[in-house]
Amino acid sequence: MGGVPSGGSTWKNILIGVLTTVVAYSIVNYIKDKKEKRKEKDKIKTETVEAWRSMTKYETISEDNFYAAYCNDDLNSQLESMIYEKEQLVKNYEIISNRQGVDENLASFASRAIGQANEVKKMLENYLADYKRVDAASPTAEQEYKNIDSLFEIRITAAKERDTSALYSTYRELVSKYGDSFSITEDKKEPTASDLEGKWKETGLDKTFNIAAGKTFTMTADNANYPGKWELNGNALKLSFDDGSGSIVFNIKRFNTRYIRFSTNNEPVERQLCRK
């Protein structure tokens, strides 16, 4: 059997040393790379969470002002205020869209939201133009107004559904990447009994509710008064009439000192009361 070359052990040790160094270098760089990627992801998360909070704040302010505009009795001023709010929302979304370091899903949503806000703005402009074209003295004016209202309601509802779908989709994507650091629901104020006291008029109808401090109320409609008692349970305002004819439950969806958005009997259509 031939002998092992005298330098065999030396070369073996050198080879092992080189391999060990390469492995160690690879491990160090792997760990360093992971730390860098983690650092970058944390940075994107921080920027994205801040952008998301700014975005939801913009949305809340804009939506409050948008609904408050419904309380303006002058239609032209009402629609002009709504158009203005959409213009401001576009500007705020542009800030989010151009913000550096945010997640691509949120940036993409902001870009889409700009298009959606501009679409709604155009709807409002067309709605205002259509109303101005109607001859108020015409015998068909009332039906023309109803037709315009109906078409606008269909279009605005469809636009809102698209907005909601895109928002939830983006929310799920962000949560799957960064964890539950996002909130999709705004800070909704739950009204107290004293918040509701006062006179409220239902938008678009000749109907008012005078809610008094002593848990009594009076509904006025068609120049007739209907008194009763009221109670508040969470977001449910129950109005019971003294004549025994029954009661109405307002399921409050959104409360603001200027308005109340609600539905009755769990109907999907929302109605609005404005403080007078």
C-alpha atoms as a PDB file:
ATOM      1  CA  MET A   1       0.000   0.000   0.000  1.00  0.00           C
ATOM      2  CA  GLY A   2       1.440   3.326  -0.964  1.00  0.00           C
ATOM      3  CA  GLY A   3       2.114   5.857   1.768  1.00  0.00           C
ATOM      4  CA  VAL A   4       0.165   9.068   2.206  1.00  0.00           C
ATOM      5  CA  PRO A   5       2.076  12.027   0.789  1.00  0.00           C
ATOM      6  CA  SER A   6       3.798  13.976   3.506  1.00  0.00           C
ATOM      7  CA  GLY A   7       1.946  17.134   2.550  1.00  0.00           C
ATOM      8  CA  GLY A   8      -1.497  15.464   2.575  1.00  0.00           C
ATOM      9  CA  SER A   9      -2.439  16.551   6.079  1.00  0.00           C
ATOM     10  CA  THR A  10      -1.284  20.090   5.407  1.00  0.00           C
ATOM     11  CA  TRP A  11      -3.425  20.435   2.260  1.00  0.00           C
ATOM     12  CA  LYS A  12      -6.352  18.843   4.052  1.00  0.00           C
ATOM     13  CA  ASN A  13      -6.079  21.339   6.882  1.00  0.00           C
ATOM     14  CA  ILE A  14      -5.779  24.222   4.432  1.00  0.00           C
ATOM     15  CA  LEU A  15      -8.843  22.996   2.514  1.00  0.00           C
ATOM     16  CA  ILE A  16     -10.877  22.600   5.678  1.00  0.00           C
ATOM     17  CA  GLY A  17      -9.772  26.063   6.778  1.00  0.00           C
ATOM     18  CA  VAL A  18     -10.813  27.616   3.459  1.00  0.00           C
ATOM     19  CA  LEU A  19     -14.176  25.858   3.509  1.00  0.00           C
ATOM     20  CA  THR A  20     -14.765  26.917   7.104  1.00  0.00           C
ATOM     21  CA  THR A  21     -13.947  30.529   6.202  1.00  0.00           C
ATOM     22  CA  VAL A  22     -16.290  30.421   3.186  1.00  0.00           C
ATOM     23  CA  VAL A  23     -19.121  28.923   5.248  1.00  0.00           C
ATOM     24  CA  ALA A  24     -18.578  31.439   8.040  1.00  0.00           C
ATOM     25  CA  TYR A  25     -18.518  34.291   5.507  1.00  0.00           C
ATOM     26  CA  SER A  26     -21.731  33.010   3.924  1.00  0.00           C
ATOM     27  CA  ILE A  27     -23.455  32.740   7.320  1.00  0.00           C
ATOM     28  CA  VAL A  28     -22.347  36.239   8.338  1.00  0.00           C
ATOM     29  CA  ASN A  29     -23.572  37.706   5.035  1.00  0.00           C
ATOM     30  CA  TYR A  30     -26.813  35.732   5.232  1.00  0.00           C
ATOM     31  CA  ILE A  31     -27.484  37.115   8.722  1.00  0.00           C
ATOM     32  CA  LYS A  32     -26.470  40.614   7.594  1.00  0.00           C
ATOM     33  CA  ASP A  33     -28.723  40.364   4.533  1.00  0.00           C
ATOM     34  CA  LYS A  34     -31.643  39.220   6.676  1.00  0.00           C
ATOM     35  CA  LYS A  35     -31.071  42.136   9.068  1.00  0.00           C
ATOM     36  CA  GLU A  36     -30.967  44.592   6.153  1.00  0.00           C
ATOM     37  CA  LYS A  37     -34.164  43.166   4.670  1.00  0.00           C
ATOM     38  CA  ARG A  38     -35.836  43.260   8.078  1.00  0.00           C
ATOM     39  CA  LYS A  39     -34.694  46.856   8.562  1.00  0.00           C
ATOM     40  CA  GLU A  40     -36.040  47.806   5.113  1.00  0.00           C
ATOM     41  CA  LYS A  41     -39.347  46.040   5.769  1.00  0.00           C
ATOM     42  CA  ASP A  42     -39.694  47.767   9.153  1.00  0.00           C
ATOM     43  CA  LYS A  43     -39.031  51.111   7.463  1.00  0.00           C
ATOM     44  CA  ILE A  44     -41.684  50.437   4.814  1.00  0.00           C
ATOM     45  CA  LYS A  45     -44.112  49.305   7.515  1.00  0.00           C
ATOM     46  CA  THR A  46     -43.560  52.501   9.530  1.00  0.00           C
ATOM     47  CA  GLU A  47     -44.095  54.715   6.475  1.00  0.00           C
ATOM     48  CA  THR A  48     -47.118  52.685   5.374  1.00  0.00           C
ATOM     49  CA  VAL A  49     -48.821  52.732   8.794  1.00  0.00           C
ATOM     50  CA  GLU A  50     -48.323  56.501   9.033  1.00  0.00           C
ATOM     51  CA  ALA A  51     -49.647  56.981   5.501  1.00  0.00           C
ATOM     52  CA  TRP A  52     -52.648  54.734   6.239  1.00  0.00           C
ATOM     53  CA  ARG A  53     -53.517  56.728   9.364  1.00  0.00           C
ATOM     54  CA  SER A  54     -53.233  59.985   7.434  1.00  0.00           C
ATOM     55  CA  MET A  55     -55.423  58.562   4.696  1.00  0.00           C
ATOM     56  CA  THR A  56     -58.187  57.427   7.065  1.00  0.00           C
ATOM     57  CA  LYS A  57     -58.036  60.819   8.787  1.00  0.00           C
ATOM     58  CA  TYR A  58     -58.474  62.555   5.411  1.00  0.00           C
ATOM     59  CA  GLU A  59     -61.382  60.226   4.610  1.00  0.00           C
ATOM     60  CA  THR A  60     -63.142  60.900   7.922  1.00  0.00           C
ATOM     61  CA  ILE A  61     -62.853  64.688   7.623  1.00  0.00           C
ATOM     62  CA  SER A  62     -63.937  64.639   3.978  1.00  0.00           C
ATOM     63  CA  GLU A  63     -66.898  62.334   4.606  1.00  0.00           C
ATOM     64  CA  ASP A  64     -68.089  64.408   7.578  1.00  0.00           C
ATOM     65  CA  ASN A  65     -68.010  67.584   5.485  1.00  0.00           C
ATOM     66  CA  PHE A  66     -69.603  65.760   2.549  1.00  0.00           C
ATOM     67  CA  TYR A  67     -72.587  64.611   4.617  1.00  0.00           C
ATOM     68  CA  ALA A  68     -72.827  67.970   6.374  1.00  0.00           C
ATOM     69  CA  ALA A  69     -73.296  69.563   2.949  1.00  0.00           C
ATOM     70  CA  TYR A  70     -76.591  67.645   2.652  1.00  0.00           C
ATOM     71  CA  CYS A  71     -77.869  69.898   5.438  1.00  0.00           C
ATOM     72  CA  ASN A  72     -77.563  72.969   3.231  1.00  0.00           C
ATOM     73  CA  ASP A  73     -81.064  73.870   2.024  1.00  0.00           C
ATOM     74  CA  ASP A  74     -79.734  75.551  -1.111  1.00  0.00           C
ATOM     75  CA  LEU A  75     -79.064  72.812  -3.668  1.00  0.00           C
ATOM     76  CA  ASN A  76     -76.425  74.758  -5.591  1.00  0.00           C
ATOM     77  CA  SER A  77     -74.431  75.511  -2.445  1.00  0.00           C
ATOM     78  CA  GLN A  78     -74.887  71.924  -1.284  1.00  0.00           C
ATOM     79  CA  LEU A  79     -73.469  70.415  -4.463  1.00  0.00           C
ATOM     80  CA  GLU A  80     -70.688  72.993  -4.724  1.00  0.00           C
ATOM     81  CA  SER A  81     -69.587  72.069  -1.173  1.00  0.00           C
ATOM     82  CA  MET A  82     -69.606  68.371  -2.094  1.00  0.00           C
ATOM     83  CA  ILE A  83     -67.545  69.026  -5.212  1.00  0.00           C
ATOM     84  CA  TYR A  84     -65.064  71.039  -3.144  1.00  0.00           C
ATOM     85  CA  GLU A  85     -64.697  68.154  -0.657  1.00  0.00           C
ATOM     86  CA  LYS A  86     -63.905  65.719  -3.460  1.00  0.00           C
ATOM     87  CA  GLU A  87     -61.297  68.138  -4.814  1.00  0.00           C
ATOM     88  CA  GLN A  88     -59.651  68.277  -1.394  1.00  0.00           C
ATOM     89  CA  LEU A  89     -59.754  64.486  -1.111  1.00  0.00           C
ATOM     90  CA  VAL A  90     -57.970  64.155  -4.459  1.00  0.00           C
ATOM     91  CA  LYS A  91     -55.207  66.481  -3.231  1.00  0.00           C
ATOM     92  CA  ASN A  92     -54.815  64.449  -0.034  1.00  0.00           C
ATOM     93  CA  TYR A  93     -54.651  61.160  -1.950  1.00  0.00           C
ATOM     94  CA  GLU A  94     -52.005  62.662  -4.216  1.00  0.00           C
ATOM     95  CA  ILE A  95     -49.882  63.277  -1.099  1.00  0.00           C
ATOM     96  CA  ILE A  96     -50.236  59.590  -0.150  1.00  0.00           C
ATOM     97  CA  SER A  97     -49.567  58.430  -3.719  1.00  0.00           C
ATOM     98  CA  ASN A  98     -46.349  60.480  -3.951  1.00  0.00           C
ATOM     99  CA  ARG A  99     -45.097  59.664  -0.479  1.00  0.00           C
ATOM    100  CA  GLN A 100     -41.737  57.899  -0.513  1.00  0.00           C
ATOM    101  CA  GLY A 101     -41.234  54.479   1.076  1.00  0.00           C
ATOM    102  CA  VAL A 102     -44.873  53.349   1.384  1.00  0.00           C
ATOM    103  CA  ASP A 103     -45.981  49.860   0.426  1.00  0.00           C
ATOM    104  CA  GLU A 104     -46.829  49.450  -3.256  1.00  0.00           C
ATOM    105  CA  ASN A 105     -50.324  48.168  -2.409  1.00  0.00           C
ATOM    106  CA  LEU A 106     -51.198  51.352  -0.539  1.00  0.00           C
ATOM    107  CA  ALA A 107     -49.610  53.565  -3.214  1.00  0.00           C
ATOM    108  CA  SER A 108     -51.644  51.709  -5.850  1.00  0.00           C
ATOM    109  CA  PHE A 109     -54.847  52.130  -3.823  1.00  0.00           C
ATOM    110  CA  ALA A 110     -54.188  55.873  -3.431  1.00  0.00           C
ATOM    111  CA  SER A 111     -53.743  56.222  -7.206  1.00  0.00           C
ATOM    112  CA  ARG A 112     -56.991  54.334  -7.777  1.00  0.00           C
ATOM    113  CA  ALA A 113     -58.773  56.448  -5.154  1.00  0.00           C
ATOM    114  CA  ILE A 114     -57.751  59.618  -6.999  1.00  0.00           C
ATOM    115  CA  GLY A 115     -59.533  58.300 -10.084  1.00  0.00           C
ATOM    116  CA  GLN A 116     -62.583  57.325  -8.044  1.00  0.00           C
ATOM    117  CA  ALA A 117     -62.795  60.714  -6.297  1.00  0.00           C
ATOM    118  CA  ASN A 118     -62.524  62.487  -9.652  1.00  0.00           C
ATOM    119  CA  GLU A 119     -65.285  60.234 -10.991  1.00  0.00           C
ATOM    120  CA  VAL A 120     -67.609  61.167  -8.121  1.00  0.00           C
ATOM    121  CA  LYS A 121     -66.684  64.834  -8.573  1.00  0.00           C
ATOM    122  CA  LYS A 122     -67.741  64.567 -12.230  1.00  0.00           C
ATOM    123  CA  MET A 123     -71.022  62.921 -11.175  1.00  0.00           C
ATOM    124  CA  LEU A 124     -71.726  65.820  -8.826  1.00  0.00           C
ATOM    125  CA  GLU A 125     -70.905  68.377 -11.510  1.00  0.00           C
ATOM    126  CA  ASN A 126     -73.261  66.625 -13.955  1.00  0.00           C
ATOM    127  CA  TYR A 127     -75.934  66.387 -11.250  1.00  0.00           C
ATOM    128  CA  LEU A 128     -75.691  70.139 -10.620  1.00  0.00           C
ATOM    129  CA  ALA A 129     -75.774  70.900 -14.357  1.00  0.00           C
ATOM    130  CA  ASP A 130     -78.828  68.652 -14.868  1.00  0.00           C
ATOM    131  CA  TYR A 131     -80.704  70.368 -12.025  1.00  0.00           C
ATOM    132  CA  LYS A 132     -79.940  73.818 -13.439  1.00  0.00           C
ATOM    133  CA  ARG A 133     -81.290  72.780 -16.842  1.00  0.00           C
ATOM    134  CA  VAL A 134     -84.738  71.925 -15.430  1.00  0.00           C
ATOM    135  CA  ASP A 135     -87.357  74.653 -15.725  1.00  0.00           C
ATOM    136  CA  ALA A 136     -88.700  74.883 -12.178  1.00  0.00           C
ATOM    137  CA  ALA A 137     -91.969  76.391 -13.492  1.00  0.00           C
ATOM    138  CA  SER A 138     -92.615  73.427 -15.788  1.00  0.00           C
ATOM    139  CA  PRO A 139     -95.472  71.056 -14.797  1.00  0.00           C
ATOM    140  CA  THR A 140     -93.054  68.137 -15.299  1.00  0.00           C
ATOM    141  CA  ALA A 141     -90.308  69.681 -13.136  1.00  0.00           C
ATOM    142  CA  GLU A 142     -91.000  67.505 -10.081  1.00  0.00           C
ATOM    143  CA  GLN A 143     -90.756  64.284 -12.100  1.00  0.00           C
ATOM    144  CA  GLU A 144     -87.608  65.513 -13.845  1.00  0.00           C
ATOM    145  CA  TYR A 145     -85.999  66.219 -10.472  1.00  0.00           C
ATOM    146  CA  LYS A 146     -86.968  62.735  -9.252  1.00  0.00           C
ATOM    147  CA  ASN A 147     -85.459  61.139 -12.358  1.00  0.00           C
ATOM    148  CA  ILE A 148     -82.201  63.044 -11.841  1.00  0.00           C
ATOM    149  CA  ASP A 149     -82.130  62.048  -8.154  1.00  0.00           C
ATOM    150  CA  SER A 150     -82.774  58.388  -8.934  1.00  0.00           C
ATOM    151  CA  LEU A 151     -80.022  58.168 -11.554  1.00  0.00           C
ATOM    152  CA  PHE A 152     -77.539  59.957  -9.309  1.00  0.00           C
ATOM    153  CA  GLU A 153     -78.340  57.659  -6.369  1.00  0.00           C
ATOM    154  CA  ILE A 154     -77.693  54.562  -8.500  1.00  0.00           C
ATOM    155  CA  ARG A 155     -74.356  55.909  -9.744  1.00  0.00           C
ATOM    156  CA  ILE A 156     -73.107  57.205  -6.391  1.00  0.00           C
ATOM    157  CA  THR A 157     -74.030  53.922  -4.653  1.00  0.00           C
ATOM    158  CA  ALA A 158     -72.097  51.903  -7.256  1.00  0.00           C
ATOM    159  CA  ALA A 159     -69.066  54.195  -6.839  1.00  0.00           C
ATOM    160  CA  LYS A 160     -69.188  53.814  -3.047  1.00  0.00           C
ATOM    161  CA  GLU A 161     -69.343  50.007  -3.340  1.00  0.00           C
ATOM    162  CA  ARG A 162     -66.258  50.018  -5.579  1.00  0.00           C
ATOM    163  CA  ASP A 163     -64.416  52.235  -3.088  1.00  0.00           C
ATOM    164  CA  THR A 164     -65.307  49.939  -0.187  1.00  0.00           C
ATOM    165  CA  SER A 165     -64.253  46.795  -2.084  1.00  0.00           C
ATOM    166  CA  ALA A 166     -60.862  48.305  -3.038  1.00  0.00           C
ATOM    167  CA  LEU A 167     -60.275  49.533   0.519  1.00  0.00           C
ATOM    168  CA  TYR A 168     -60.951  46.122   2.089  1.00  0.00           C
ATOM    169  CA  SER A 169     -58.750  44.392  -0.487  1.00  0.00           C
ATOM    170  CA  THR A 170     -55.854  46.758   0.276  1.00  0.00           C
ATOM    171  CA  TYR A 171     -56.416  46.350   4.014  1.00  0.00           C
ATOM    172  CA  ARG A 172     -56.171  42.553   3.771  1.00  0.00           C
ATOM    173  CA  GLU A 173     -52.964  42.784   1.711  1.00  0.00           C
ATOM    174  CA  LEU A 174     -51.306  45.123   4.230  1.00  0.00           C
ATOM    175  CA  VAL A 175     -52.321  43.020   7.235  1.00  0.00           C
ATOM    176  CA  SER A 176     -50.954  39.867   5.580  1.00  0.00           C
ATOM    177  CA  LYS A 177     -47.588  41.612   5.065  1.00  0.00           C
ATOM    178  CA  TYR A 178     -47.162  43.643   8.243  1.00  0.00           C
ATOM    179  CA  GLY A 179     -49.574  42.303  10.820  1.00  0.00           C
ATOM    180  CA  ASP A 180     -52.581  43.931  12.419  1.00  0.00           C
ATOM    181  CA  SER A 181     -51.223  47.487  12.635  1.00  0.00           C
ATOM    182  CA  PHE A 182     -54.045  48.950  10.551  1.00  0.00           C
ATOM    183  CA  SER A 183     -57.616  49.882  11.291  1.00  0.00           C
ATOM    184  CA  ILE A 184     -60.282  49.892   8.604  1.00  0.00           C
ATOM    185  CA  THR A 185     -62.968  51.479  10.759  1.00  0.00           C
ATOM    186  CA  GLU A 186     -62.891  55.104  11.695  1.00  0.00           C
ATOM    187  CA  ASP A 187     -63.264  56.301  15.258  1.00  0.00           C
ATOM    188  CA  LYS A 188     -67.040  56.505  15.361  1.00  0.00           C
ATOM    189  CA  LYS A 189     -68.548  58.620  18.092  1.00  0.00           C
ATOM    190  CA  GLU A 190     -71.375  56.855  19.872  1.00  0.00           C
ATOM    191  CA  PRO A 191     -73.953  59.531  20.735  1.00  0.00           C
ATOM    192  CA  THR A 192     -75.103  60.200  24.263  1.00  0.00           C
ATOM    193  CA  ALA A 193     -78.637  61.200  25.193  1.00  0.00           C
ATOM    194  CA  SER A 194     -77.626  64.860  25.555  1.00  0.00           C
ATOM    195  CA  ASP A 195     -75.993  64.775  22.088  1.00  0.00           C
ATOM    196  CA  LEU A 196     -79.372  64.015  20.527  1.00  0.00           C
ATOM    197  CA  GLU A 197     -81.352  66.744  22.266  1.00  0.00           C
ATOM    198  CA  GLY A 198     -82.544  69.455  19.921  1.00  0.00           C
ATOM    199  CA  LYS A 199     -84.426  69.893  16.681  1.00  0.00           C
ATOM    200  CA  TRP A 200     -83.576  67.683  13.697  1.00  0.00           C
ATOM    201  CA  LYS A 201     -84.934  67.803  10.146  1.00  0.00           C
ATOM    202  CA  GLU A 202     -84.922  64.802   7.829  1.00  0.00           C
ATOM    203  CA  THR A 203     -83.093  65.597   4.596  1.00  0.00           C
ATOM    204  CA  GLY A 204     -85.364  65.933   1.569  1.00  0.00           C
ATOM    205  CA  LEU A 205     -88.576  65.667   3.612  1.00  0.00           C
ATOM    206  CA  ASP A 206     -90.839  68.128   5.398  1.00  0.00           C
ATOM    207  CA  LYS A 207     -90.426  66.240   8.656  1.00  0.00           C
ATOM    208  CA  THR A 208     -88.775  67.316  11.912  1.00  0.00           C
ATOM    209  CA  PHE A 209     -88.063  65.668  15.257  1.00  0.00           C
ATOM    210  CA  ASN A 210     -87.846  67.839  18.354  1.00  0.00           C
ATOM    211  CA  ILE A 211     -86.030  65.672  20.914  1.00  0.00           C
ATOM    212  CA  ALA A 212     -86.398  67.113  24.423  1.00  0.00           C
ATOM    213  CA  ALA A 213     -84.306  66.598  27.555  1.00  0.00           C
ATOM    214  CA  GLY A 214     -87.097  64.868  29.471  1.00  0.00           C
ATOM    215  CA  LYS A 215     -87.074  61.872  27.103  1.00  0.00           C
ATOM    216  CA  THR A 216     -90.049  63.287  25.223  1.00  0.00           C
ATOM    217  CA  PHE A 217     -90.165  64.165  21.546  1.00  0.00           C
ATOM    218  CA  THR A 218     -92.490  65.630  18.938  1.00  0.00           C
ATOM    219  CA  MET A 219     -92.461  64.595  15.302  1.00  0.00           C
ATOM    220  CA  THR A 220     -93.894  67.226  12.958  1.00  0.00           C
ATOM    221  CA  ALA A 221     -95.027  66.162   9.479  1.00  0.00           C
ATOM    222  CA  ASP A 222     -97.595  67.645   7.094  1.00  0.00           C
ATOM    223  CA  ASN A 223     -98.271  70.433   9.624  1.00  0.00           C
ATOM    224  CA  ALA A 224     -99.364  67.897  12.272  1.00  0.00           C
ATOM    225  CA  ASN A 225     -97.610  67.069  15.560  1.00  0.00           C
ATOM    226  CA  TYR A 226     -97.070  63.546  16.905  1.00  0.00           C
ATOM    227  CA  PRO A 227     -95.719  63.480  20.492  1.00  0.00           C
ATOM    228  CA  GLY A 228     -94.077  60.547  22.219  1.00  0.00           C
ATOM    229  CA  LYS A 229     -91.248  59.202  24.377  1.00  0.00           C
ATOM    230  CA  TRP A 230     -87.725  58.326  23.309  1.00  0.00           C
ATOM    231  CA  GLU A 231     -84.880  56.165  24.596  1.00  0.00           C
ATOM    232  CA  LEU A 232     -81.326  55.534  23.465  1.00  0.00           C
ATOM    233  CA  ASN A 233     -79.717  52.099  23.657  1.00  0.00           C
ATOM    234  CA  GLY A 234     -76.200  52.180  22.213  1.00  0.00           C
ATOM    235  CA  ASN A 235     -76.678  53.329  18.627  1.00  0.00           C
ATOM    236  CA  ALA A 236     -80.413  52.583  18.542  1.00  0.00           C
ATOM    237  CA  LEU A 237     -82.760  55.541  19.061  1.00  0.00           C
ATOM    238  CA  LYS A 238     -86.308  54.357  19.721  1.00  0.00           C
ATOM    239  CA  LEU A 239     -89.223  56.777  19.300  1.00  0.00           C
ATOM    240  CA  SER A 240     -92.572  55.541  20.730  1.00  0.00           C
ATOM    241  CA  PHE A 241     -95.704  57.553  19.920  1.00  0.00           C
ATOM    242  CA  ASP A 242     -98.144  58.490  22.703  1.00  0.00           C
ATOM    243  CA  ASP A 243    -101.209  57.599  20.596  1.00  0.00           C
ATOM    244  CA  GLY A 244    -100.195  53.933  20.638  1.00  0.00           C
ATOM    245  CA  SER A 245     -99.668  53.822  16.864  1.00  0.00           C
ATOM    246  CA  GLY A 246     -96.275  52.198  17.323  1.00  0.00           C
ATOM    247  CA  SER A 247     -92.622  53.174  17.362  1.00  0.00           C
ATOM    248  CA  ILE A 248     -89.679  53.927  15.073  1.00  0.00           C
ATOM    249  CA  VAL A 249     -86.131  52.710  15.691  1.00  0.00           C
ATOM    250  CA  PHE A 250     -83.325  54.737  14.177  1.00  0.00           C
ATOM    251  CA  ASN A 251     -80.206  52.585  13.818  1.00  0.00           C
ATOM    252  CA  ILE A 252     -77.519  55.278  13.904  1.00  0.00           C
ATOM    253  CA  LYS A 253     -74.723  54.516  11.433  1.00  0.00           C
ATOM    254  CA  ARG A 254     -72.755  57.722  11.784  1.00  0.00           C
ATOM    255  CA  PHE A 255     -73.097  60.551  14.276  1.00  0.00           C
ATOM    256  CA  ASN A 256     -71.832  64.096  14.037  1.00  0.00           C
ATOM    257  CA  THR A 257     -72.893  67.194  15.939  1.00  0.00           C
ATOM    258  CA  ARG A 258     -74.272  68.520  12.618  1.00  0.00           C
ATOM    259  CA  TYR A 259     -76.011  65.406  11.315  1.00  0.00           C
ATOM    260  CA  ILE A 260     -77.119  61.816  11.988  1.00  0.00           C
ATOM    261  CA  ARG A 261     -76.897  59.062   9.359  1.00  0.00           C
ATOM    262  CA  PHE A 262     -79.335  56.237  10.124  1.00  0.00           C
ATOM    263  CA  SER A 263     -81.493  53.446   8.780  1.00  0.00           C
ATOM    264  CA  THR A 264     -84.836  52.156  10.028  1.00  0.00           C
ATOM    265  CA  ASN A 265     -85.937  48.523  10.349  1.00  0.00           C
ATOM    266  CA  ASN A 266     -82.440  47.442   9.250  1.00  0.00           C
ATOM    267  CA  GLU A 267     -83.066  48.779   5.743  1.00  0.00           C
ATOM    268  CA  PRO A 268     -79.865  49.076   3.661  1.00  0.00           C
ATOM    269  CA  VAL A 269     -80.762  52.617   2.539  1.00  0.00           C
ATOM    270  CA  GLU A 270     -79.357  55.302   4.818  1.00  0.00           C
ATOM    271  CA  ARG A 271     -81.266  58.476   5.650  1.00  0.00           C
ATOM    272  CA  GLN A 272     -80.121  61.651   7.313  1.00  0.00           C
ATOM    273  CA  LEU A 273     -81.220  64.075  10.006  1.00  0.00           C
ATOM    274  CA  CYS A 274     -79.740  67.568  10.127  1.00  0.00           C
ATOM    275  CA  ARG A 275     -79.575  69.711  13.237  1.00  0.00           C
ATOM    276  CA  LYS A 276     -81.654  72.871  12.920  1.00  0.00           C
END
